[in-house]
Amino acid sequence: MRTSAPIFAALTLTSISSRAEQAAPQTGALQVAGDPEPPRQEAPSRKHDGAGPRLTFGRALTQTVADGFYGRFESEYFEAGDILIGGALVGLEGWGCREGGGGAIPMSLFWGARVPFFEGPKAPRFMATVGAGFDFAVFDYVKGDGGFGVMAPFATGVVGFEIAPGARVLGDVRAQYRWLWDAPDRYQIRVGISLAANSDWWDGPR
């Protein structure tokens, strides 16, 4: 009887310890049960840049002078996102009418939006921009009187369509004050159509 008492006590303690372990919360298992969350990945930006030629032609309406025509060839650089666009233009321009004409080296900046008609990299877009610039150099010869000027300011507005990536058909309006040395200064408004192509065409939409 004395020998069996310690054995009984040991068995009792072992049973109580086993039950306590089964009742204890499995906190360690819960901490490692799930895989760690993967890091969030931000959506890639579709902002890109491009360049290409722009050809514009139309009517030239000049103060105190008969209406005429004009043509302009420019090189364009732009940066575009999903909607917004901004860029720069530099080129050569000439205008003429039955009473004279002239030419200039226009430089300008523009800002605006390109709104797609539906989702997709090749979707056609509505495009509208406003801008400002100046003729770095300008020369006019009108009614037998010629004059040269620099930094003649103008404002510009464009509305049209990007019919395919890199191909644009735009309506173009510019209002300018042509100040000259040794000749009368004149206001001029030019209204025309622009045909533009850029690197989105030959490099593919981005």
N, C-alpha and C. Protein backbone atom coordinates (compact mmCIF):
# COMPACT_ATOMS: atom_id res chain seq x y z
N MET A 1 0.83 -1.21 0.00
CA MET A 1 0.00 0.00 0.00
C MET A 1 0.86 1.24 0.00
N ARG A 2 1.95 1.27 0.76
CA ARG A 2 2.83 2.44 0.77
C ARG A 2 3.50 2.64 -0.58
N THR A 3 3.81 1.55 -1.28
CA THR A 3 4.47 1.67 -2.58
C THR A 3 3.52 2.19 -3.64
N SER A 4 2.26 1.79 -3.59
CA SER A 4 1.29 2.18 -4.63
C SER A 4 0.85 3.63 -4.49
N ALA A 5 0.99 4.25 -3.32
CA ALA A 5 0.54 5.63 -3.13
C ALA A 5 1.32 6.61 -3.97
N PRO A 6 2.68 6.55 -3.97
CA PRO A 6 3.41 7.48 -4.84
C PRO A 6 3.10 7.27 -6.32
N ILE A 7 2.89 6.03 -6.74
CA ILE A 7 2.59 5.76 -8.15
C ILE A 7 1.25 6.37 -8.53
N PHE A 8 0.27 6.25 -7.65
CA PHE A 8 -1.06 6.82 -7.91
C PHE A 8 -1.00 8.34 -8.02
N ALA A 9 -0.21 8.94 -7.12
CA ALA A 9 -0.07 10.40 -7.15
C ALA A 9 0.58 10.87 -8.44
N ALA A 10 1.61 10.13 -8.92
CA ALA A 10 2.28 10.51 -10.15
C ALA A 10 1.35 10.41 -11.34
N LEU A 11 0.55 9.36 -11.40
CA LEU A 11 -0.40 9.20 -12.50
C LEU A 11 -1.43 10.32 -12.50
N THR A 12 -1.89 10.71 -11.30
CA THR A 12 -2.89 11.78 -11.19
C THR A 12 -2.33 13.10 -11.71
N LEU A 13 -1.07 13.46 -11.33
CA LEU A 13 -0.45 14.71 -11.79
C LEU A 13 -0.25 14.71 -13.29
N THR A 14 0.14 13.55 -13.85
CA THR A 14 0.33 13.45 -15.30
C THR A 14 -0.97 13.68 -16.04
N SER A 15 -2.08 13.14 -15.53
CA SER A 15 -3.39 13.31 -16.17
C SER A 15 -3.83 14.75 -16.14
N ILE A 16 -3.61 15.43 -14.97
CA ILE A 16 -4.02 16.84 -14.85
C ILE A 16 -3.21 17.71 -15.79
N SER A 17 -1.91 17.44 -15.92
CA SER A 17 -1.05 18.24 -16.80
C SER A 17 -1.45 18.09 -18.26
N SER A 18 -1.81 16.83 -18.67
CA SER A 18 -2.22 16.60 -20.04
C SER A 18 -3.50 17.34 -20.37
N ARG A 19 -4.46 17.33 -19.44
CA ARG A 19 -5.72 18.04 -19.67
C ARG A 19 -5.49 19.55 -19.74
N ALA A 20 -4.59 20.10 -18.96
CA ALA A 20 -4.31 21.54 -18.99
C ALA A 20 -3.70 21.96 -20.32
N GLU A 21 -2.81 21.09 -20.86
CA GLU A 21 -2.21 21.41 -22.15
C GLU A 21 -3.25 21.41 -23.27
N GLN A 22 -4.21 20.45 -23.20
CA GLN A 22 -5.25 20.40 -24.22
C GLN A 22 -6.19 21.60 -24.14
N ALA A 23 -6.43 22.14 -22.93
CA ALA A 23 -7.35 23.26 -22.76
C ALA A 23 -6.71 24.60 -23.07
N ALA A 24 -5.37 24.70 -23.07
CA ALA A 24 -4.70 25.97 -23.30
C ALA A 24 -4.90 26.42 -24.75
N PRO A 25 -5.11 27.74 -25.00
CA PRO A 25 -5.29 28.24 -26.39
C PRO A 25 -4.02 28.08 -27.19
N GLN A 26 -4.18 27.71 -28.45
CA GLN A 26 -3.05 27.47 -29.35
C GLN A 26 -2.63 28.79 -30.00
N THR A 27 -2.08 29.69 -29.17
CA THR A 27 -1.74 31.01 -29.68
C THR A 27 -0.60 30.95 -30.68
N GLY A 28 0.35 30.08 -30.47
CA GLY A 28 1.48 29.99 -31.39
C GLY A 28 1.06 29.53 -32.77
N ALA A 29 0.11 28.58 -32.84
CA ALA A 29 -0.33 28.06 -34.14
C ALA A 29 -1.10 29.11 -34.91
N LEU A 30 -1.88 29.97 -34.18
CA LEU A 30 -2.65 30.99 -34.86
C LEU A 30 -1.74 32.04 -35.49
N GLN A 31 -0.63 32.34 -34.91
CA GLN A 31 0.26 33.36 -35.42
C GLN A 31 0.93 32.96 -36.73
N VAL A 32 1.12 31.67 -36.94
CA VAL A 32 1.82 31.23 -38.14
C VAL A 32 0.91 30.49 -39.11
N ALA A 33 -0.42 30.50 -38.81
CA ALA A 33 -1.33 29.70 -39.64
C ALA A 33 -1.43 30.26 -41.05
N GLY A 34 -1.48 31.59 -41.21
CA GLY A 34 -1.67 32.18 -42.54
C GLY A 34 -0.36 32.64 -43.15
N ASP A 35 -0.32 32.70 -44.51
CA ASP A 35 0.86 33.23 -45.20
C ASP A 35 0.88 34.75 -45.08
N PRO A 36 2.05 35.38 -45.03
CA PRO A 36 2.11 36.85 -44.98
C PRO A 36 1.53 37.47 -46.23
N GLU A 37 0.86 38.65 -46.07
CA GLU A 37 0.26 39.32 -47.21
C GLU A 37 1.33 39.80 -48.18
N PRO A 38 1.11 39.59 -49.49
CA PRO A 38 2.09 40.08 -50.46
C PRO A 38 2.07 41.60 -50.50
N PRO A 39 3.19 42.26 -50.81
CA PRO A 39 3.20 43.72 -50.90
C PRO A 39 2.30 44.22 -52.01
N ARG A 40 1.61 45.34 -51.75
CA ARG A 40 0.71 45.90 -52.75
C ARG A 40 1.51 46.48 -53.90
N GLN A 41 1.04 46.22 -55.11
CA GLN A 41 1.69 46.73 -56.30
C GLN A 41 0.83 47.85 -56.90
N GLU A 42 1.44 49.04 -57.07
CA GLU A 42 0.72 50.16 -57.66
C GLU A 42 0.55 49.95 -59.16
N ALA A 43 -0.58 50.43 -59.67
CA ALA A 43 -0.84 50.31 -61.11
C ALA A 43 0.20 51.12 -61.89
N PRO A 44 0.78 50.55 -62.93
CA PRO A 44 1.80 51.27 -63.69
C PRO A 44 1.22 52.51 -64.37
N SER A 45 2.00 53.60 -64.35
CA SER A 45 1.57 54.83 -65.02
C SER A 45 1.71 54.68 -66.53
N ARG A 46 0.72 55.22 -67.28
CA ARG A 46 0.77 55.16 -68.73
C ARG A 46 1.28 56.48 -69.32
N LYS A 47 1.93 57.28 -68.51
CA LYS A 47 2.49 58.54 -69.01
C LYS A 47 3.65 58.26 -69.95
N HIS A 48 3.69 58.97 -71.06
CA HIS A 48 4.74 58.77 -72.05
C HIS A 48 4.97 60.05 -72.82
N ASP A 49 6.05 60.09 -73.57
CA ASP A 49 6.31 61.25 -74.40
C ASP A 49 6.38 60.83 -75.86
N GLY A 50 6.38 61.84 -76.74
CA GLY A 50 6.42 61.56 -78.17
C GLY A 50 6.79 62.81 -78.94
N ALA A 51 7.01 62.63 -80.23
CA ALA A 51 7.38 63.75 -81.10
C ALA A 51 6.99 63.44 -82.53
N GLY A 52 6.84 64.51 -83.32
CA GLY A 52 6.50 64.32 -84.72
C GLY A 52 6.18 65.63 -85.40
N PRO A 53 5.90 65.60 -86.69
CA PRO A 53 5.59 66.81 -87.46
C PRO A 53 4.11 67.18 -87.39
N ARG A 54 3.83 68.47 -87.59
CA ARG A 54 2.46 68.97 -87.65
C ARG A 54 2.38 69.99 -88.80
N LEU A 55 1.45 69.78 -89.71
CA LEU A 55 1.26 70.66 -90.87
C LEU A 55 -0.10 71.35 -90.73
N THR A 56 -0.11 72.69 -90.84
CA THR A 56 -1.34 73.48 -90.67
C THR A 56 -1.50 74.44 -91.85
N PHE A 57 -2.73 74.58 -92.33
CA PHE A 57 -3.01 75.50 -93.43
C PHE A 57 -4.42 76.03 -93.27
N GLY A 58 -4.65 77.28 -93.78
CA GLY A 58 -5.99 77.85 -93.67
C GLY A 58 -6.00 79.31 -94.04
N ARG A 59 -6.94 80.06 -93.46
CA ARG A 59 -7.17 81.47 -93.79
C ARG A 59 -6.43 82.37 -92.82
N ALA A 60 -5.90 83.48 -93.36
CA ALA A 60 -5.25 84.51 -92.56
C ALA A 60 -6.08 85.78 -92.65
N LEU A 61 -6.55 86.28 -91.52
CA LEU A 61 -7.38 87.48 -91.45
C LEU A 61 -6.56 88.56 -90.77
N THR A 62 -6.13 89.56 -91.54
CA THR A 62 -5.17 90.55 -91.07
C THR A 62 -5.81 91.93 -91.04
N GLN A 63 -5.53 92.69 -89.99
CA GLN A 63 -6.07 94.04 -89.82
C GLN A 63 -5.66 94.96 -90.97
N THR A 64 -6.64 95.65 -91.56
CA THR A 64 -6.48 96.63 -92.65
C THR A 64 -5.91 96.03 -93.94
N VAL A 65 -5.93 94.70 -94.05
CA VAL A 65 -5.38 94.03 -95.23
C VAL A 65 -6.41 93.01 -95.72
N ALA A 66 -6.44 92.75 -97.02
CA ALA A 66 -7.35 91.75 -97.57
C ALA A 66 -7.08 90.38 -96.97
N ASP A 67 -8.14 89.59 -96.85
CA ASP A 67 -7.99 88.23 -96.33
C ASP A 67 -7.10 87.41 -97.27
N GLY A 68 -6.35 86.50 -96.65
CA GLY A 68 -5.45 85.66 -97.43
C GLY A 68 -5.39 84.26 -96.89
N PHE A 69 -4.28 83.60 -97.14
CA PHE A 69 -4.07 82.21 -96.72
C PHE A 69 -2.71 82.09 -96.02
N TYR A 70 -2.57 81.02 -95.25
CA TYR A 70 -1.31 80.79 -94.57
C TYR A 70 -0.99 79.29 -94.54
N GLY A 71 0.26 78.98 -94.29
CA GLY A 71 0.69 77.60 -94.08
C GLY A 71 1.77 77.58 -93.01
N ARG A 72 1.80 76.50 -92.26
CA ARG A 72 2.76 76.40 -91.16
C ARG A 72 3.22 74.95 -91.01
N PHE A 73 4.53 74.76 -90.88
CA PHE A 73 5.09 73.43 -90.59
C PHE A 73 5.82 73.51 -89.26
N GLU A 74 5.48 72.58 -88.34
CA GLU A 74 6.06 72.59 -87.01
C GLU A 74 6.54 71.21 -86.59
N SER A 75 7.50 71.21 -85.69
CA SER A 75 7.93 70.00 -85.01
C SER A 75 7.36 70.02 -83.59
N GLU A 76 6.75 68.93 -83.21
CA GLU A 76 6.03 68.87 -81.93
C GLU A 76 6.71 67.89 -80.97
N TYR A 77 6.81 68.29 -79.72
CA TYR A 77 7.19 67.38 -78.63
C TYR A 77 6.11 67.44 -77.57
N PHE A 78 5.70 66.28 -77.01
CA PHE A 78 4.65 66.29 -76.01
C PHE A 78 4.89 65.21 -74.96
N GLU A 79 4.26 65.41 -73.81
CA GLU A 79 4.16 64.39 -72.75
C GLU A 79 2.68 64.19 -72.46
N ALA A 80 2.25 62.93 -72.45
CA ALA A 80 0.82 62.62 -72.30
C ALA A 80 0.62 61.55 -71.24
N GLY A 81 -0.45 61.71 -70.47
CA GLY A 81 -0.89 60.68 -69.53
C GLY A 81 -2.17 60.05 -70.02
N ASP A 82 -2.95 59.49 -69.10
CA ASP A 82 -4.22 58.88 -69.50
C ASP A 82 -5.17 59.93 -70.09
N ILE A 83 -5.14 61.15 -69.55
CA ILE A 83 -6.03 62.22 -70.02
C ILE A 83 -5.24 63.47 -70.41
N LEU A 84 -4.40 63.97 -69.53
CA LEU A 84 -3.74 65.25 -69.74
C LEU A 84 -2.59 65.15 -70.74
N ILE A 85 -2.34 66.28 -71.42
CA ILE A 85 -1.25 66.36 -72.38
C ILE A 85 -0.66 67.77 -72.33
N GLY A 86 0.63 67.88 -72.54
CA GLY A 86 1.30 69.17 -72.64
C GLY A 86 2.49 69.03 -73.56
N GLY A 87 2.89 70.12 -74.18
CA GLY A 87 4.01 70.01 -75.10
C GLY A 87 4.48 71.34 -75.64
N ALA A 88 5.33 71.26 -76.65
CA ALA A 88 5.93 72.44 -77.27
C ALA A 88 5.96 72.27 -78.77
N LEU A 89 5.90 73.40 -79.49
CA LEU A 89 5.94 73.42 -80.95
C LEU A 89 6.94 74.48 -81.41
N VAL A 90 7.68 74.19 -82.46
CA VAL A 90 8.55 75.16 -83.10
C VAL A 90 8.53 74.90 -84.59
N GLY A 91 8.53 75.95 -85.41
CA GLY A 91 8.41 75.71 -86.85
C GLY A 91 8.65 76.94 -87.69
N LEU A 92 8.12 76.88 -88.92
CA LEU A 92 8.20 77.96 -89.90
C LEU A 92 6.80 78.23 -90.42
N GLU A 93 6.49 79.52 -90.69
CA GLU A 93 5.15 79.91 -91.11
C GLU A 93 5.22 81.00 -92.16
N GLY A 94 4.29 80.95 -93.11
CA GLY A 94 4.18 82.01 -94.10
C GLY A 94 2.74 82.32 -94.39
N TRP A 95 2.43 83.57 -94.77
CA TRP A 95 1.08 83.95 -95.12
C TRP A 95 1.14 84.93 -96.29
N GLY A 96 0.02 85.05 -97.00
CA GLY A 96 0.00 85.96 -98.12
C GLY A 96 -1.40 86.31 -98.55
N CYS A 97 -1.54 87.47 -99.21
CA CYS A 97 -2.79 87.91 -99.81
C CYS A 97 -2.42 88.80 -101.00
N ARG A 98 -3.41 89.36 -101.67
CA ARG A 98 -3.12 90.15 -102.87
C ARG A 98 -2.38 91.46 -102.55
N GLU A 99 -2.36 91.87 -101.29
CA GLU A 99 -1.69 93.11 -100.90
C GLU A 99 -0.33 92.89 -100.26
N GLY A 100 0.08 91.65 -100.12
CA GLY A 100 1.38 91.39 -99.50
C GLY A 100 1.39 90.08 -98.74
N GLY A 101 2.33 89.96 -97.82
CA GLY A 101 2.45 88.74 -97.03
C GLY A 101 3.64 88.81 -96.10
N GLY A 102 3.99 87.68 -95.53
CA GLY A 102 5.11 87.65 -94.60
C GLY A 102 5.40 86.25 -94.12
N GLY A 103 6.32 86.18 -93.17
CA GLY A 103 6.71 84.89 -92.62
C GLY A 103 7.24 85.05 -91.21
N ALA A 104 7.41 83.91 -90.51
CA ALA A 104 7.83 83.97 -89.12
C ALA A 104 8.37 82.61 -88.67
N ILE A 105 9.01 82.64 -87.49
CA ILE A 105 9.49 81.42 -86.82
C ILE A 105 8.72 81.31 -85.50
N PRO A 106 7.59 80.58 -85.47
CA PRO A 106 6.77 80.51 -84.25
C PRO A 106 7.29 79.46 -83.26
N MET A 107 7.17 79.80 -81.98
CA MET A 107 7.48 78.88 -80.88
C MET A 107 6.36 78.98 -79.85
N SER A 108 5.88 77.85 -79.34
CA SER A 108 4.76 77.91 -78.40
C SER A 108 4.75 76.70 -77.48
N LEU A 109 4.01 76.85 -76.38
CA LEU A 109 3.71 75.77 -75.44
C LEU A 109 2.21 75.56 -75.41
N PHE A 110 1.77 74.32 -75.12
CA PHE A 110 0.34 74.04 -75.05
C PHE A 110 0.06 73.04 -73.94
N TRP A 111 -1.20 73.09 -73.43
CA TRP A 111 -1.68 72.18 -72.39
C TRP A 111 -3.13 71.84 -72.69
N GLY A 112 -3.54 70.63 -72.33
CA GLY A 112 -4.93 70.26 -72.58
C GLY A 112 -5.22 68.83 -72.18
N ALA A 113 -6.16 68.22 -72.91
CA ALA A 113 -6.64 66.89 -72.57
C ALA A 113 -6.90 66.07 -73.82
N ARG A 114 -6.73 64.75 -73.66
CA ARG A 114 -7.08 63.77 -74.69
C ARG A 114 -8.03 62.76 -74.04
N VAL A 115 -9.29 62.79 -74.42
CA VAL A 115 -10.30 61.97 -73.75
C VAL A 115 -10.69 60.80 -74.65
N PRO A 116 -10.45 59.54 -74.22
CA PRO A 116 -10.77 58.39 -75.08
C PRO A 116 -12.28 58.15 -75.16
N PHE A 117 -12.71 57.63 -76.29
CA PHE A 117 -14.12 57.29 -76.46
C PHE A 117 -14.48 55.97 -75.80
N PHE A 118 -13.49 55.10 -75.60
CA PHE A 118 -13.70 53.84 -74.89
C PHE A 118 -12.34 53.37 -74.39
N GLU A 119 -12.34 52.33 -73.55
CA GLU A 119 -11.10 51.82 -72.97
C GLU A 119 -10.28 51.08 -74.03
N GLY A 120 -8.95 51.22 -73.91
CA GLY A 120 -8.07 50.50 -74.82
C GLY A 120 -6.99 51.41 -75.36
N PRO A 121 -5.79 50.88 -75.58
CA PRO A 121 -4.67 51.71 -76.05
C PRO A 121 -4.87 52.28 -77.45
N LYS A 122 -5.73 51.67 -78.27
CA LYS A 122 -5.95 52.15 -79.63
C LYS A 122 -7.25 52.93 -79.79
N ALA A 123 -7.86 53.31 -78.69
CA ALA A 123 -9.13 54.03 -78.75
C ALA A 123 -8.94 55.43 -79.35
N PRO A 124 -9.82 55.86 -80.25
CA PRO A 124 -9.77 57.26 -80.72
C PRO A 124 -10.08 58.20 -79.56
N ARG A 125 -9.58 59.43 -79.66
CA ARG A 125 -9.71 60.38 -78.56
C ARG A 125 -10.16 61.75 -79.07
N PHE A 126 -10.92 62.43 -78.23
CA PHE A 126 -11.21 63.84 -78.44
C PHE A 126 -10.09 64.63 -77.79
N MET A 127 -9.57 65.65 -78.48
CA MET A 127 -8.42 66.40 -77.99
C MET A 127 -8.71 67.89 -78.03
N ALA A 128 -8.36 68.58 -76.96
CA ALA A 128 -8.52 70.03 -76.89
C ALA A 128 -7.36 70.61 -76.09
N THR A 129 -6.73 71.66 -76.63
CA THR A 129 -5.62 72.31 -75.93
C THR A 129 -5.70 73.83 -76.09
N VAL A 130 -5.05 74.52 -75.17
CA VAL A 130 -4.84 75.96 -75.28
C VAL A 130 -3.35 76.20 -75.11
N GLY A 131 -2.86 77.32 -75.65
CA GLY A 131 -1.44 77.57 -75.56
C GLY A 131 -1.10 79.03 -75.79
N ALA A 132 0.19 79.32 -75.67
CA ALA A 132 0.69 80.68 -75.89
C ALA A 132 2.11 80.58 -76.41
N GLY A 133 2.52 81.60 -77.14
CA GLY A 133 3.87 81.60 -77.67
C GLY A 133 4.21 82.93 -78.31
N PHE A 134 5.22 82.92 -79.15
CA PHE A 134 5.66 84.13 -79.84
C PHE A 134 6.38 83.75 -81.11
N ASP A 135 6.41 84.68 -82.05
CA ASP A 135 7.24 84.54 -83.23
C ASP A 135 8.63 85.05 -82.90
N PHE A 136 9.57 84.13 -82.87
CA PHE A 136 10.95 84.53 -82.53
C PHE A 136 11.45 85.60 -83.49
N ALA A 137 11.10 85.47 -84.75
CA ALA A 137 11.42 86.48 -85.76
C ALA A 137 10.26 86.54 -86.74
N VAL A 138 9.92 87.75 -87.20
CA VAL A 138 8.79 87.94 -88.10
C VAL A 138 9.13 89.03 -89.11
N PHE A 139 8.72 88.81 -90.36
CA PHE A 139 8.90 89.82 -91.41
C PHE A 139 7.64 89.88 -92.25
N ASP A 140 7.10 91.08 -92.44
CA ASP A 140 5.92 91.30 -93.26
C ASP A 140 6.23 92.37 -94.31
N TYR A 141 5.69 92.18 -95.51
CA TYR A 141 5.78 93.19 -96.57
C TYR A 141 4.38 93.38 -97.11
N VAL A 142 3.77 94.49 -96.77
CA VAL A 142 2.36 94.75 -97.09
C VAL A 142 2.22 96.15 -97.67
N LYS A 143 1.50 96.27 -98.79
CA LYS A 143 1.22 97.55 -99.43
C LYS A 143 2.49 98.36 -99.68
N GLY A 144 3.53 97.68 -100.12
CA GLY A 144 4.78 98.34 -100.44
C GLY A 144 5.61 98.75 -99.26
N ASP A 145 5.28 98.29 -98.07
CA ASP A 145 6.00 98.67 -96.85
C ASP A 145 6.40 97.41 -96.09
N GLY A 146 7.70 97.25 -95.84
CA GLY A 146 8.18 96.05 -95.15
C GLY A 146 8.73 96.37 -93.78
N GLY A 147 8.61 95.43 -92.87
CA GLY A 147 9.12 95.61 -91.52
C GLY A 147 9.52 94.29 -90.90
N PHE A 148 10.45 94.37 -89.95
CA PHE A 148 10.96 93.19 -89.25
C PHE A 148 10.68 93.34 -87.77
N GLY A 149 10.36 92.22 -87.11
CA GLY A 149 10.11 92.25 -85.67
C GLY A 149 10.56 90.98 -84.98
N VAL A 150 10.57 91.02 -83.66
CA VAL A 150 10.93 89.85 -82.85
C VAL A 150 9.94 89.73 -81.70
N MET A 151 9.79 88.49 -81.22
CA MET A 151 8.98 88.19 -80.04
C MET A 151 7.54 88.70 -80.17
N ALA A 152 6.94 88.50 -81.35
CA ALA A 152 5.55 88.90 -81.54
C ALA A 152 4.63 87.86 -80.89
N PRO A 153 3.84 88.23 -79.88
CA PRO A 153 3.10 87.23 -79.09
C PRO A 153 1.83 86.75 -79.78
N PHE A 154 1.43 85.52 -79.42
CA PHE A 154 0.15 84.99 -79.90
C PHE A 154 -0.42 84.01 -78.89
N ALA A 155 -1.74 83.80 -78.98
CA ALA A 155 -2.45 82.78 -78.21
C ALA A 155 -3.05 81.79 -79.19
N THR A 156 -3.19 80.55 -78.74
CA THR A 156 -3.65 79.50 -79.66
C THR A 156 -4.65 78.57 -78.98
N GLY A 157 -5.56 78.04 -79.77
CA GLY A 157 -6.51 77.04 -79.30
C GLY A 157 -6.70 75.96 -80.35
N VAL A 158 -6.79 74.72 -79.90
CA VAL A 158 -6.89 73.57 -80.81
C VAL A 158 -7.99 72.63 -80.32
N VAL A 159 -8.83 72.18 -81.23
CA VAL A 159 -9.87 71.19 -80.92
C VAL A 159 -9.92 70.20 -82.08
N GLY A 160 -9.98 68.90 -81.76
CA GLY A 160 -10.05 67.91 -82.83
C GLY A 160 -10.03 66.50 -82.31
N PHE A 161 -9.52 65.60 -83.13
CA PHE A 161 -9.58 64.18 -82.81
C PHE A 161 -8.24 63.50 -83.07
N GLU A 162 -7.90 62.61 -82.18
CA GLU A 162 -6.81 61.67 -82.42
C GLU A 162 -7.48 60.41 -82.96
N ILE A 163 -7.51 60.27 -84.28
CA ILE A 163 -8.31 59.22 -84.90
C ILE A 163 -7.69 57.84 -84.72
N ALA A 164 -6.39 57.79 -84.48
CA ALA A 164 -5.67 56.56 -84.22
C ALA A 164 -4.40 56.95 -83.47
N PRO A 165 -3.75 56.01 -82.77
CA PRO A 165 -2.53 56.38 -82.07
C PRO A 165 -1.51 57.03 -83.00
N GLY A 166 -1.15 58.28 -82.70
CA GLY A 166 -0.15 58.99 -83.49
C GLY A 166 -0.68 59.75 -84.68
N ALA A 167 -1.99 59.73 -84.94
CA ALA A 167 -2.58 60.44 -86.10
C ALA A 167 -3.69 61.36 -85.60
N ARG A 168 -3.55 62.68 -85.87
CA ARG A 168 -4.48 63.66 -85.36
C ARG A 168 -4.97 64.57 -86.48
N VAL A 169 -6.26 64.91 -86.43
CA VAL A 169 -6.86 65.92 -87.30
C VAL A 169 -7.44 66.98 -86.37
N LEU A 170 -6.95 68.24 -86.48
CA LEU A 170 -7.25 69.26 -85.49
C LEU A 170 -7.69 70.55 -86.16
N GLY A 171 -8.63 71.25 -85.53
CA GLY A 171 -8.93 72.62 -85.90
C GLY A 171 -8.05 73.56 -85.09
N ASP A 172 -7.42 74.52 -85.77
CA ASP A 172 -6.39 75.36 -85.14
C ASP A 172 -6.74 76.84 -85.32
N VAL A 173 -6.70 77.60 -84.21
CA VAL A 173 -6.94 79.05 -84.25
C VAL A 173 -5.80 79.74 -83.50
N ARG A 174 -5.23 80.79 -84.13
CA ARG A 174 -4.21 81.61 -83.48
C ARG A 174 -4.56 83.08 -83.65
N ALA A 175 -4.44 83.82 -82.56
CA ALA A 175 -4.64 85.26 -82.56
C ALA A 175 -3.32 85.92 -82.18
N GLN A 176 -2.87 86.87 -82.99
CA GLN A 176 -1.53 87.43 -82.81
C GLN A 176 -1.51 88.93 -83.02
N TYR A 177 -0.60 89.58 -82.32
CA TYR A 177 -0.27 90.98 -82.57
C TYR A 177 1.12 91.02 -83.19
N ARG A 178 1.19 91.41 -84.44
CA ARG A 178 2.46 91.40 -85.18
C ARG A 178 3.08 92.80 -85.10
N TRP A 179 3.97 92.96 -84.13
CA TRP A 179 4.62 94.27 -84.03
C TRP A 179 5.92 94.26 -84.83
N LEU A 180 6.15 95.37 -85.52
CA LEU A 180 7.25 95.45 -86.49
C LEU A 180 7.99 96.78 -86.34
N TRP A 181 9.25 96.77 -86.71
CA TRP A 181 10.00 98.00 -86.85
C TRP A 181 9.85 98.52 -88.29
N ASP A 182 9.68 99.82 -88.43
CA ASP A 182 9.62 100.48 -89.73
C ASP A 182 8.42 100.06 -90.58
N ALA A 183 7.36 99.55 -89.90
CA ALA A 183 6.12 99.19 -90.62
C ALA A 183 4.98 99.18 -89.61
N PRO A 184 3.74 99.37 -90.06
CA PRO A 184 2.60 99.37 -89.13
C PRO A 184 2.41 98.01 -88.44
N ASP A 185 2.12 98.06 -87.14
CA ASP A 185 1.74 96.84 -86.41
C ASP A 185 0.32 96.45 -86.80
N ARG A 186 0.05 95.13 -86.79
CA ARG A 186 -1.27 94.65 -87.17
C ARG A 186 -1.67 93.44 -86.34
N TYR A 187 -2.99 93.37 -86.08
CA TYR A 187 -3.55 92.14 -85.51
C TYR A 187 -3.77 91.14 -86.65
N GLN A 188 -3.63 89.87 -86.32
CA GLN A 188 -3.90 88.82 -87.31
C GLN A 188 -4.52 87.61 -86.62
N ILE A 189 -5.54 87.06 -87.25
CA ILE A 189 -6.15 85.81 -86.79
C ILE A 189 -6.00 84.78 -87.89
N ARG A 190 -5.50 83.59 -87.50
CA ARG A 190 -5.31 82.51 -88.46
C ARG A 190 -6.20 81.32 -88.05
N VAL A 191 -7.01 80.86 -88.97
CA VAL A 191 -7.94 79.76 -88.71
C VAL A 191 -7.66 78.67 -89.73
N GLY A 192 -7.37 77.45 -89.25
CA GLY A 192 -7.01 76.41 -90.20
C GLY A 192 -7.21 75.01 -89.67
N ILE A 193 -6.68 74.06 -90.42
CA ILE A 193 -6.75 72.63 -90.10
C ILE A 193 -5.33 72.11 -89.96
N SER A 194 -5.09 71.33 -88.92
CA SER A 194 -3.78 70.72 -88.70
C SER A 194 -3.85 69.21 -88.93
N LEU A 195 -2.86 68.69 -89.62
CA LEU A 195 -2.67 67.24 -89.77
C LEU A 195 -1.36 66.90 -89.07
N ALA A 196 -1.44 66.01 -88.09
CA ALA A 196 -0.26 65.73 -87.26
C ALA A 196 -0.03 64.22 -87.18
N ALA A 197 1.24 63.85 -87.17
CA ALA A 197 1.65 62.46 -86.94
C ALA A 197 2.77 62.49 -85.91
N ASN A 198 2.83 61.45 -85.07
CA ASN A 198 3.88 61.42 -84.06
C ASN A 198 4.32 59.98 -83.79
N SER A 199 5.25 59.84 -82.85
CA SER A 199 5.90 58.55 -82.62
C SER A 199 4.97 57.49 -82.06
N ASP A 200 3.77 57.85 -81.57
CA ASP A 200 2.81 56.81 -81.18
C ASP A 200 2.39 55.98 -82.39
N TRP A 201 2.53 56.52 -83.59
CA TRP A 201 2.17 55.82 -84.81
C TRP A 201 3.22 54.77 -85.14
N TRP A 202 4.48 55.18 -85.28
CA TRP A 202 5.50 54.21 -85.70
C TRP A 202 6.09 53.40 -84.56
N ASP A 203 5.99 53.88 -83.30
CA ASP A 203 6.48 53.08 -82.16
C ASP A 203 5.38 52.24 -81.54
N GLY A 204 4.11 52.54 -81.87
CA GLY A 204 2.99 51.82 -81.28
C GLY A 204 2.48 52.54 -80.06
N PRO A 205 1.17 52.39 -79.72
CA PRO A 205 0.59 53.05 -78.54
C PRO A 205 1.20 52.53 -77.27
N ARG A 206 1.30 53.44 -76.25
CA ARG A 206 1.86 53.06 -74.96
C ARG A 206 0.93 53.45 -73.84
